[in-house]
Every structure is written in structure tokens, then in C-alpha cells.
Amino acid sequence: MTHRPHHVRPPPLSKELPAQAVPFLPSSAHGGGLLLHSAAQWGLGKMVARLVELHPENVDAPDAHGWTPLMLASSRGHVALVA
């Protein structure tokens, strides 16, 4: 727990939606962080299957560090997912 003086308060949270829609682009051009990569890394088999079904072009896409979903799944020991 960090100590914070009582007179310092965090800014209020806005309850309004942003003026512009924030696009979700499942592409390695946006810094890695593909949803498929995350699902593979965490061993979420059903999610990986559905994402591959929806976006088969992302199967071999490297993230910002050059890792593919298969590499991430195998590095975490998700044997069933790798198979």
C-alpha cells in the first residue's frame, strides 16, 4: 500500500462515452497485442478455435516481438492447444 497525502485526490472518472469510437483492429500493425496471441498465450482453447475460425489470416501473424500464436502457446506449455 502506498502512502498518499490526504489532500491529493485522483481526478474524477468521466461517465460519458468517448466522442469517437475506438476501433479494435486485430492486426499486428497495432503493436502486437492480438486477441488471438493473448488467447494462445493463456491456453484458452475455445477462444483460439473461434478466433482462428473468424480470422484465419492471423494464425501466422507475428506480434510486435515476432512471436506467433503457436510460439506463445508452446512457450507456455499448452500442449493440447499446440496439437
PDB file of N, CA and C in Angstrom:
ATOM      1  N   MET A   1       0.848  -1.179   0.000  1.00  0.00           N
ATOM      2  CA  MET A   1       0.000   0.000   0.000  1.00  0.00           C
ATOM      3  C   MET A   1       0.886   1.233   0.000  1.00  0.00           C
ATOM      4  N   THR A   2       0.600   2.138  -0.906  1.00  0.00           N
ATOM      5  CA  THR A   2       1.390   3.355  -0.965  1.00  0.00           C
ATOM      6  C   THR A   2       0.718   4.439  -0.142  1.00  0.00           C
ATOM      7  N   HIS A   3       1.537   5.279   0.436  1.00  0.00           N
ATOM      8  CA  HIS A   3       1.025   6.372   1.238  1.00  0.00           C
ATOM      9  C   HIS A   3       0.779   7.566   0.340  1.00  0.00           C
ATOM     10  N   ARG A   4      -0.373   8.172   0.495  1.00  0.00           N
ATOM     11  CA  ARG A   4      -0.730   9.329  -0.300  1.00  0.00           C
ATOM     12  C   ARG A   4      -1.272  10.384   0.644  1.00  0.00           C
ATOM     13  N   PRO A   5      -0.799  11.610   0.536  1.00  0.00           N
ATOM     14  CA  PRO A   5      -1.320  12.666   1.397  1.00  0.00           C
ATOM     15  C   PRO A   5      -2.829  12.804   1.206  1.00  0.00           C
ATOM     16  N   HIS A   6      -3.518  13.174   2.261  1.00  0.00           N
ATOM     17  CA  HIS A   6      -4.973  13.285   2.218  1.00  0.00           C
ATOM     18  C   HIS A   6      -5.466  14.374   1.262  1.00  0.00           C
ATOM     19  N   HIS A   7      -4.660  15.372   1.021  1.00  0.00           N
ATOM     20  CA  HIS A   7      -5.103  16.483   0.187  1.00  0.00           C
ATOM     21  C   HIS A   7      -4.976  16.181  -1.317  1.00  0.00           C
ATOM     22  N   VAL A   8      -4.367  15.059  -1.669  1.00  0.00           N
ATOM     23  CA  VAL A   8      -4.221  14.697  -3.076  1.00  0.00           C
ATOM     24  C   VAL A   8      -5.330  13.706  -3.438  1.00  0.00           C
ATOM     25  N   ARG A   9      -6.158  14.091  -4.392  1.00  0.00           N
ATOM     26  CA  ARG A   9      -7.250  13.227  -4.822  1.00  0.00           C
ATOM     27  C   ARG A   9      -7.084  12.909  -6.304  1.00  0.00           C
ATOM     28  N   PRO A  10      -7.446  11.695  -6.698  1.00  0.00           N
ATOM     29  CA  PRO A  10      -7.370  11.371  -8.120  1.00  0.00           C
ATOM     30  C   PRO A  10      -8.435  12.150  -8.884  1.00  0.00           C
ATOM     31  N   PRO A  11      -8.213  12.381 -10.173  1.00  0.00           N
ATOM     32  CA  PRO A  11      -9.211  13.112 -10.955  1.00  0.00           C
ATOM     33  C   PRO A  11     -10.506  12.306 -11.034  1.00  0.00           C
ATOM     34  N   PRO A  12     -11.635  12.981 -11.158  1.00  0.00           N
ATOM     35  CA  PRO A  12     -12.910  12.258 -11.243  1.00  0.00           C
ATOM     36  C   PRO A  12     -12.988  11.455 -12.542  1.00  0.00           C
ATOM     37  N   LEU A  13     -13.668  10.316 -12.483  1.00  0.00           N
ATOM     38  CA  LEU A  13     -13.858   9.492 -13.666  1.00  0.00           C
ATOM     39  C   LEU A  13     -15.018  10.028 -14.480  1.00  0.00           C
ATOM     40  N   SER A  14     -14.834  10.072 -15.770  1.00  0.00           N
ATOM     41  CA  SER A  14     -15.901  10.519 -16.654  1.00  0.00           C
ATOM     42  C   SER A  14     -16.877   9.375 -16.877  1.00  0.00           C
ATOM     43  N   LYS A  15     -18.157   9.667 -16.797  1.00  0.00           N
ATOM     44  CA  LYS A  15     -19.180   8.652 -17.024  1.00  0.00           C
ATOM     45  C   LYS A  15     -19.728   8.728 -18.441  1.00  0.00           C
ATOM     46  N   GLU A  16     -19.144   9.594 -19.241  1.00  0.00           N
ATOM     47  CA  GLU A  16     -19.595   9.747 -20.619  1.00  0.00           C
ATOM     48  C   GLU A  16     -18.740   8.886 -21.541  1.00  0.00           C
ATOM     49  N   LEU A  17     -19.329   8.470 -22.643  1.00  0.00           N
ATOM     50  CA  LEU A  17     -18.595   7.713 -23.648  1.00  0.00           C
ATOM     51  C   LEU A  17     -17.689   8.650 -24.425  1.00  0.00           C
ATOM     52  N   PRO A  18     -16.596   8.131 -24.986  1.00  0.00           N
ATOM     53  CA  PRO A  18     -15.735   8.989 -25.796  1.00  0.00           C
ATOM     54  C   PRO A  18     -16.499   9.520 -27.014  1.00  0.00           C
ATOM     55  N   ALA A  19     -16.101  10.672 -27.505  1.00  0.00           N
ATOM     56  CA  ALA A  19     -16.775  11.294 -28.638  1.00  0.00           C
ATOM     57  C   ALA A  19     -16.641  10.448 -29.902  1.00  0.00           C
ATOM     58  N   GLN A  20     -15.511   9.769 -30.046  1.00  0.00           N
ATOM     59  CA  GLN A  20     -15.292   8.933 -31.218  1.00  0.00           C
ATOM     60  C   GLN A  20     -15.196   7.481 -30.789  1.00  0.00           C
ATOM     61  N   ALA A  21     -15.628   6.601 -31.663  1.00  0.00           N
ATOM     62  CA  ALA A  21     -15.499   5.174 -31.389  1.00  0.00           C
ATOM     63  C   ALA A  21     -14.030   4.788 -31.427  1.00  0.00           C
ATOM     64  N   VAL A  22     -13.644   3.925 -30.545  1.00  0.00           N
ATOM     65  CA  VAL A  22     -12.269   3.426 -30.521  1.00  0.00           C
ATOM     66  C   VAL A  22     -12.252   2.115 -31.291  1.00  0.00           C
ATOM     67  N   PRO A  23     -11.580   2.078 -32.445  1.00  0.00           N
ATOM     68  CA  PRO A  23     -11.624   0.867 -33.259  1.00  0.00           C
ATOM     69  C   PRO A  23     -10.796  -0.264 -32.661  1.00  0.00           C
ATOM     70  N   PHE A  24     -11.277  -1.482 -32.824  1.00  0.00           N
ATOM     71  CA  PHE A  24     -10.493  -2.654 -32.469  1.00  0.00           C
ATOM     72  C   PHE A  24     -10.053  -3.286 -33.765  1.00  0.00           C
ATOM     73  N   LEU A  25      -8.779  -3.208 -34.038  1.00  0.00           N
ATOM     74  CA  LEU A  25      -8.244  -3.775 -35.257  1.00  0.00           C
ATOM     75  C   LEU A  25      -7.330  -4.931 -34.901  1.00  0.00           C
ATOM     76  N   PRO A  26      -7.774  -6.164 -35.111  1.00  0.00           N
ATOM     77  CA  PRO A  26      -6.927  -7.306 -34.781  1.00  0.00           C
ATOM     78  C   PRO A  26      -5.801  -7.442 -35.784  1.00  0.00           C
ATOM     79  N   SER A  27      -4.797  -6.627 -35.658  1.00  0.00           N
ATOM     80  CA  SER A  27      -3.703  -6.616 -36.607  1.00  0.00           C
ATOM     81  C   SER A  27      -2.396  -6.397 -35.876  1.00  0.00           C
ATOM     82  N   SER A  28      -1.357  -7.066 -36.340  1.00  0.00           N
ATOM     83  CA  SER A  28      -0.055  -6.910 -35.704  1.00  0.00           C
ATOM     84  C   SER A  28       0.524  -5.527 -35.963  1.00  0.00           C
ATOM     85  N   ALA A  29      -0.085  -4.777 -36.871  1.00  0.00           N
ATOM     86  CA  ALA A  29       0.386  -3.423 -37.144  1.00  0.00           C
ATOM     87  C   ALA A  29       0.106  -2.489 -35.977  1.00  0.00           C
ATOM     88  N   HIS A  30      -0.723  -2.927 -35.041  1.00  0.00           N
ATOM     89  CA  HIS A  30      -1.073  -2.068 -33.908  1.00  0.00           C
ATOM     90  C   HIS A  30      -0.380  -2.520 -32.636  1.00  0.00           C
ATOM     91  N   GLY A  31       0.903  -2.766 -32.729  1.00  0.00           N
ATOM     92  CA  GLY A  31       1.714  -3.009 -31.551  1.00  0.00           C
ATOM     93  C   GLY A  31       1.663  -4.422 -30.982  1.00  0.00           C
ATOM     94  N   GLY A  32       1.255  -5.390 -31.758  1.00  0.00           N
ATOM     95  CA  GLY A  32       1.188  -6.745 -31.187  1.00  0.00           C
ATOM     96  C   GLY A  32      -0.119  -6.900 -30.468  1.00  0.00           C
ATOM     97  N   GLY A  33      -0.229  -7.466 -29.373  1.00  0.00           N
ATOM     98  CA  GLY A  33      -1.458  -7.493 -28.609  1.00  0.00           C
ATOM     99  C   GLY A  33      -2.673  -8.031 -29.328  1.00  0.00           C
ATOM    100  N   LEU A  34      -2.495  -8.898 -30.315  1.00  0.00           N
ATOM    101  CA  LEU A  34      -3.639  -9.509 -30.968  1.00  0.00           C
ATOM    102  C   LEU A  34      -4.405 -10.344 -29.958  1.00  0.00           C
ATOM    103  N   LEU A  35      -5.706 -10.368 -30.097  1.00  0.00           N
ATOM    104  CA  LEU A  35      -6.531 -11.170 -29.206  1.00  0.00           C
ATOM    105  C   LEU A  35      -6.171 -12.646 -29.333  1.00  0.00           C
ATOM    106  N   LEU A  36      -5.916 -13.096 -30.549  1.00  0.00           N
ATOM    107  CA  LEU A  36      -5.516 -14.481 -30.767  1.00  0.00           C
ATOM    108  C   LEU A  36      -4.215 -14.798 -30.038  1.00  0.00           C
ATOM    109  N   HIS A  37      -3.275 -13.902 -30.063  1.00  0.00           N
ATOM    110  CA  HIS A  37      -1.999 -14.099 -29.366  1.00  0.00           C
ATOM    111  C   HIS A  37      -2.218 -14.247 -27.858  1.00  0.00           C
ATOM    112  N   SER A  38      -3.052 -13.384 -27.306  1.00  0.00           N
ATOM    113  CA  SER A  38      -3.316 -13.453 -25.866  1.00  0.00           C
ATOM    114  C   SER A  38      -4.013 -14.750 -25.492  1.00  0.00           C
ATOM    115  N   ALA A  39      -4.998 -15.144 -26.291  1.00  0.00           N
ATOM    116  CA  ALA A  39      -5.726 -16.385 -26.008  1.00  0.00           C
ATOM    117  C   ALA A  39      -4.791 -17.584 -26.093  1.00  0.00           C
ATOM    118  N   ALA A  40      -3.909 -17.599 -27.068  1.00  0.00           N
ATOM    119  CA  ALA A  40      -2.952 -18.701 -27.212  1.00  0.00           C
ATOM    120  C   ALA A  40      -1.981 -18.723 -26.043  1.00  0.00           C
ATOM    121  N   GLN A  41      -1.514 -17.566 -25.635  1.00  0.00           N
ATOM    122  CA  GLN A  41      -0.562 -17.476 -24.530  1.00  0.00           C
ATOM    123  C   GLN A  41      -1.164 -18.005 -23.234  1.00  0.00           C
ATOM    124  N   TRP A  42      -2.454 -17.756 -23.018  1.00  0.00           N
ATOM    125  CA  TRP A  42      -3.109 -18.178 -21.780  1.00  0.00           C
ATOM    126  C   TRP A  42      -3.781 -19.542 -21.891  1.00  0.00           C
ATOM    127  N   GLY A  43      -3.672 -20.176 -23.070  1.00  0.00           N
ATOM    128  CA  GLY A  43      -4.205 -21.519 -23.230  1.00  0.00           C
ATOM    129  C   GLY A  43      -5.712 -21.591 -23.320  1.00  0.00           C
ATOM    130  N   LEU A  44      -6.340 -20.572 -23.843  1.00  0.00           N
ATOM    131  CA  LEU A  44      -7.796 -20.523 -23.964  1.00  0.00           C
ATOM    132  C   LEU A  44      -8.222 -21.179 -25.272  1.00  0.00           C
ATOM    133  N   GLY A  45      -8.305 -22.502 -25.251  1.00  0.00           N
ATOM    134  CA  GLY A  45      -8.528 -23.293 -26.458  1.00  0.00           C
ATOM    135  C   GLY A  45      -9.781 -22.946 -27.231  1.00  0.00           C
ATOM    136  N   LYS A  46     -10.914 -22.809 -26.551  1.00  0.00           N
ATOM    137  CA  LYS A  46     -12.169 -22.494 -27.250  1.00  0.00           C
ATOM    138  C   LYS A  46     -12.098 -21.121 -27.914  1.00  0.00           C
ATOM    139  N   MET A  47     -11.488 -20.181 -27.220  1.00  0.00           N
ATOM    140  CA  MET A  47     -11.365 -18.846 -27.785  1.00  0.00           C
ATOM    141  C   MET A  47     -10.436 -18.857 -28.988  1.00  0.00           C
ATOM    142  N   VAL A  48      -9.325 -19.578 -28.877  1.00  0.00           N
ATOM    143  CA  VAL A  48      -8.389 -19.679 -30.003  1.00  0.00           C
ATOM    144  C   VAL A  48      -9.096 -20.282 -31.212  1.00  0.00           C
ATOM    145  N   ALA A  49      -9.850 -21.364 -31.003  1.00  0.00           N
ATOM    146  CA  ALA A  49     -10.560 -22.015 -32.107  1.00  0.00           C
ATOM    147  C   ALA A  49     -11.525 -21.048 -32.789  1.00  0.00           C
ATOM    148  N   ARG A  50     -12.265 -20.292 -31.999  1.00  0.00           N
ATOM    149  CA  ARG A  50     -13.234 -19.351 -32.565  1.00  0.00           C
ATOM    150  C   ARG A  50     -12.541 -18.207 -33.298  1.00  0.00           C
ATOM    151  N   LEU A  51     -11.452 -17.695 -32.733  1.00  0.00           N
ATOM    152  CA  LEU A  51     -10.728 -16.606 -33.386  1.00  0.00           C
ATOM    153  C   LEU A  51     -10.080 -17.059 -34.684  1.00  0.00           C
ATOM    154  N   VAL A  52      -9.578 -18.280 -34.715  1.00  0.00           N
ATOM    155  CA  VAL A  52      -8.988 -18.823 -35.945  1.00  0.00           C
ATOM    156  C   VAL A  52     -10.082 -18.994 -36.996  1.00  0.00           C
ATOM    157  N   GLU A  53     -11.262 -19.418 -36.551  1.00  0.00           N
ATOM    158  CA  GLU A  53     -12.402 -19.559 -37.466  1.00  0.00           C
ATOM    159  C   GLU A  53     -12.785 -18.202 -38.065  1.00  0.00           C
ATOM    160  N   LEU A  54     -12.802 -17.167 -37.234  1.00  0.00           N
ATOM    161  CA  LEU A  54     -13.198 -15.832 -37.686  1.00  0.00           C
ATOM    162  C   LEU A  54     -12.117 -15.121 -38.491  1.00  0.00           C
ATOM    163  N   HIS A  55     -10.856 -15.291 -38.083  1.00  0.00           N
ATOM    164  CA  HIS A  55      -9.737 -14.570 -38.713  1.00  0.00           C
ATOM    165  C   HIS A  55      -8.563 -15.513 -38.964  1.00  0.00           C
ATOM    166  N   PRO A  56      -8.706 -16.426 -39.935  1.00  0.00           N
ATOM    167  CA  PRO A  56      -7.620 -17.386 -40.192  1.00  0.00           C
ATOM    168  C   PRO A  56      -6.314 -16.720 -40.633  1.00  0.00           C
ATOM    169  N   GLU A  57      -6.395 -15.501 -41.131  1.00  0.00           N
ATOM    170  CA  GLU A  57      -5.189 -14.793 -41.576  1.00  0.00           C
ATOM    171  C   GLU A  57      -4.258 -14.431 -40.419  1.00  0.00           C
ATOM    172  N   ASN A  58      -4.766 -14.469 -39.187  1.00  0.00           N
ATOM    173  CA  ASN A  58      -3.950 -14.101 -38.026  1.00  0.00           C
ATOM    174  C   ASN A  58      -3.173 -15.280 -37.431  1.00  0.00           C
ATOM    175  N   VAL A  59      -3.368 -16.477 -37.968  1.00  0.00           N
ATOM    176  CA  VAL A  59      -2.726 -17.659 -37.399  1.00  0.00           C
ATOM    177  C   VAL A  59      -1.205 -17.530 -37.401  1.00  0.00           C
ATOM    178  N   ASP A  60      -0.637 -17.044 -38.483  1.00  0.00           N
ATOM    179  CA  ASP A  60       0.818 -16.932 -38.590  1.00  0.00           C
ATOM    180  C   ASP A  60       1.316 -15.501 -38.399  1.00  0.00           C
ATOM    181  N   ALA A  61       0.455 -14.615 -37.935  1.00  0.00           N
ATOM    182  CA  ALA A  61       0.840 -13.215 -37.768  1.00  0.00           C
ATOM    183  C   ALA A  61       1.739 -13.044 -36.547  1.00  0.00           C
ATOM    184  N   PRO A  62       2.889 -12.425 -36.728  1.00  0.00           N
ATOM    185  CA  PRO A  62       3.751 -12.160 -35.568  1.00  0.00           C
ATOM    186  C   PRO A  62       3.255 -10.948 -34.801  1.00  0.00           C
ATOM    187  N   ASP A  63       3.523 -10.951 -33.486  1.00  0.00           N
ATOM    188  CA  ASP A  63       3.204  -9.768 -32.698  1.00  0.00           C
ATOM    189  C   ASP A  63       4.369  -8.786 -32.808  1.00  0.00           C
ATOM    190  N   ALA A  64       4.363  -7.765 -32.006  1.00  0.00           N
ATOM    191  CA  ALA A  64       5.405  -6.733 -32.073  1.00  0.00           C
ATOM    192  C   ALA A  64       6.791  -7.277 -31.756  1.00  0.00           C
ATOM    193  N   HIS A  65       6.837  -8.437 -31.094  1.00  0.00           N
ATOM    194  CA  HIS A  65       8.122  -9.034 -30.729  1.00  0.00           C
ATOM    195  C   HIS A  65       8.497 -10.205 -31.634  1.00  0.00           C
ATOM    196  N   GLY A  66       7.684 -10.447 -32.667  1.00  0.00           N
ATOM    197  CA  GLY A  66       7.970 -11.507 -33.621  1.00  0.00           C
ATOM    198  C   GLY A  66       7.419 -12.873 -33.238  1.00  0.00           C
ATOM    199  N   TRP A  67       6.594 -12.944 -32.206  1.00  0.00           N
ATOM    200  CA  TRP A  67       6.044 -14.212 -31.748  1.00  0.00           C
ATOM    201  C   TRP A  67       4.706 -14.478 -32.436  1.00  0.00           C
ATOM    202  N   THR A  68       4.497 -15.715 -32.883  1.00  0.00           N
ATOM    203  CA  THR A  68       3.218 -16.128 -33.439  1.00  0.00           C
ATOM    204  C   THR A  68       2.384 -16.753 -32.321  1.00  0.00           C
ATOM    205  N   PRO A  69       1.082 -16.926 -32.533  1.00  0.00           N
ATOM    206  CA  PRO A  69       0.261 -17.582 -31.512  1.00  0.00           C
ATOM    207  C   PRO A  69       0.779 -18.980 -31.151  1.00  0.00           C
ATOM    208  N   LEU A  70       1.237 -19.732 -32.135  1.00  0.00           N
ATOM    209  CA  LEU A  70       1.769 -21.074 -31.869  1.00  0.00           C
ATOM    210  C   LEU A  70       3.007 -21.010 -30.973  1.00  0.00           C
ATOM    211  N   MET A  71       3.868 -20.056 -31.229  1.00  0.00           N
ATOM    212  CA  MET A  71       5.071 -19.904 -30.409  1.00  0.00           C
ATOM    213  C   MET A  71       4.699 -19.553 -28.964  1.00  0.00           C
ATOM    214  N   LEU A  72       3.721 -18.686 -28.805  1.00  0.00           N
ATOM    215  CA  LEU A  72       3.304 -18.288 -27.454  1.00  0.00           C
ATOM    216  C   LEU A  72       2.680 -19.458 -26.706  1.00  0.00           C
ATOM    217  N   ALA A  73       1.814 -20.220 -27.379  1.00  0.00           N
ATOM    218  CA  ALA A  73       1.173 -21.368 -26.742  1.00  0.00           C
ATOM    219  C   ALA A  73       2.199 -22.419 -26.343  1.00  0.00           C
ATOM    220  N   SER A  74       3.141 -22.692 -27.230  1.00  0.00           N
ATOM    221  CA  SER A  74       4.142 -23.729 -26.918  1.00  0.00           C
ATOM    222  C   SER A  74       5.111 -23.269 -25.832  1.00  0.00           C
ATOM    223  N   SER A  75       5.424 -21.971 -25.802  1.00  0.00           N
ATOM    224  CA  SER A  75       6.343 -21.488 -24.764  1.00  0.00           C
ATOM    225  C   SER A  75       5.729 -21.555 -23.378  1.00  0.00           C
ATOM    226  N   ARG A  76       4.404 -21.582 -23.297  1.00  0.00           N
ATOM    227  CA  ARG A  76       3.706 -21.664 -22.024  1.00  0.00           C
ATOM    228  C   ARG A  76       3.290 -23.103 -21.679  1.00  0.00           C
ATOM    229  N   GLY A  77       3.636 -24.056 -22.545  1.00  0.00           N
ATOM    230  CA  GLY A  77       3.362 -25.455 -22.263  1.00  0.00           C
ATOM    231  C   GLY A  77       1.933 -25.890 -22.494  1.00  0.00           C
ATOM    232  N   HIS A  78       1.211 -25.204 -23.365  1.00  0.00           N
ATOM    233  CA  HIS A  78      -0.175 -25.564 -23.650  1.00  0.00           C
ATOM    234  C   HIS A  78      -0.185 -26.624 -24.761  1.00  0.00           C
ATOM    235  N   VAL A  79       0.141 -27.865 -24.362  1.00  0.00           N
ATOM    236  CA  VAL A  79       0.340 -28.964 -25.304  1.00  0.00           C
ATOM    237  C   VAL A  79      -0.913 -29.243 -26.129  1.00  0.00           C
ATOM    238  N   ALA A  80      -2.071 -29.299 -25.503  1.00  0.00           N
ATOM    239  CA  ALA A  80      -3.313 -29.592 -26.213  1.00  0.00           C
ATOM    240  C   ALA A  80      -3.610 -28.497 -27.261  1.00  0.00           C
ATOM    241  N   LEU A  81      -3.346 -27.278 -26.927  1.00  0.00           N
ATOM    242  CA  LEU A  81      -3.590 -26.175 -27.840  1.00  0.00           C
ATOM    243  C   LEU A  81      -2.617 -26.233 -29.012  1.00  0.00           C
ATOM    244  N   VAL A  82      -1.386 -26.550 -28.738  1.00  0.00           N
ATOM    245  CA  VAL A  82      -0.368 -26.649 -29.804  1.00  0.00           C
ATOM    246  C   VAL A  82      -0.720 -27.774 -30.768  1.00  0.00           C
ATOM    247  N   ALA A  83      -1.221 -28.891 -30.224  1.00  0.00           N
ATOM    248  CA  ALA A  83      -1.585 -30.037 -31.082  1.00  0.00           C
ATOM    249  C   ALA A  83      -2.717 -29.646 -31.997  1.00  0.00           C
TER     250      ALA A  83
END
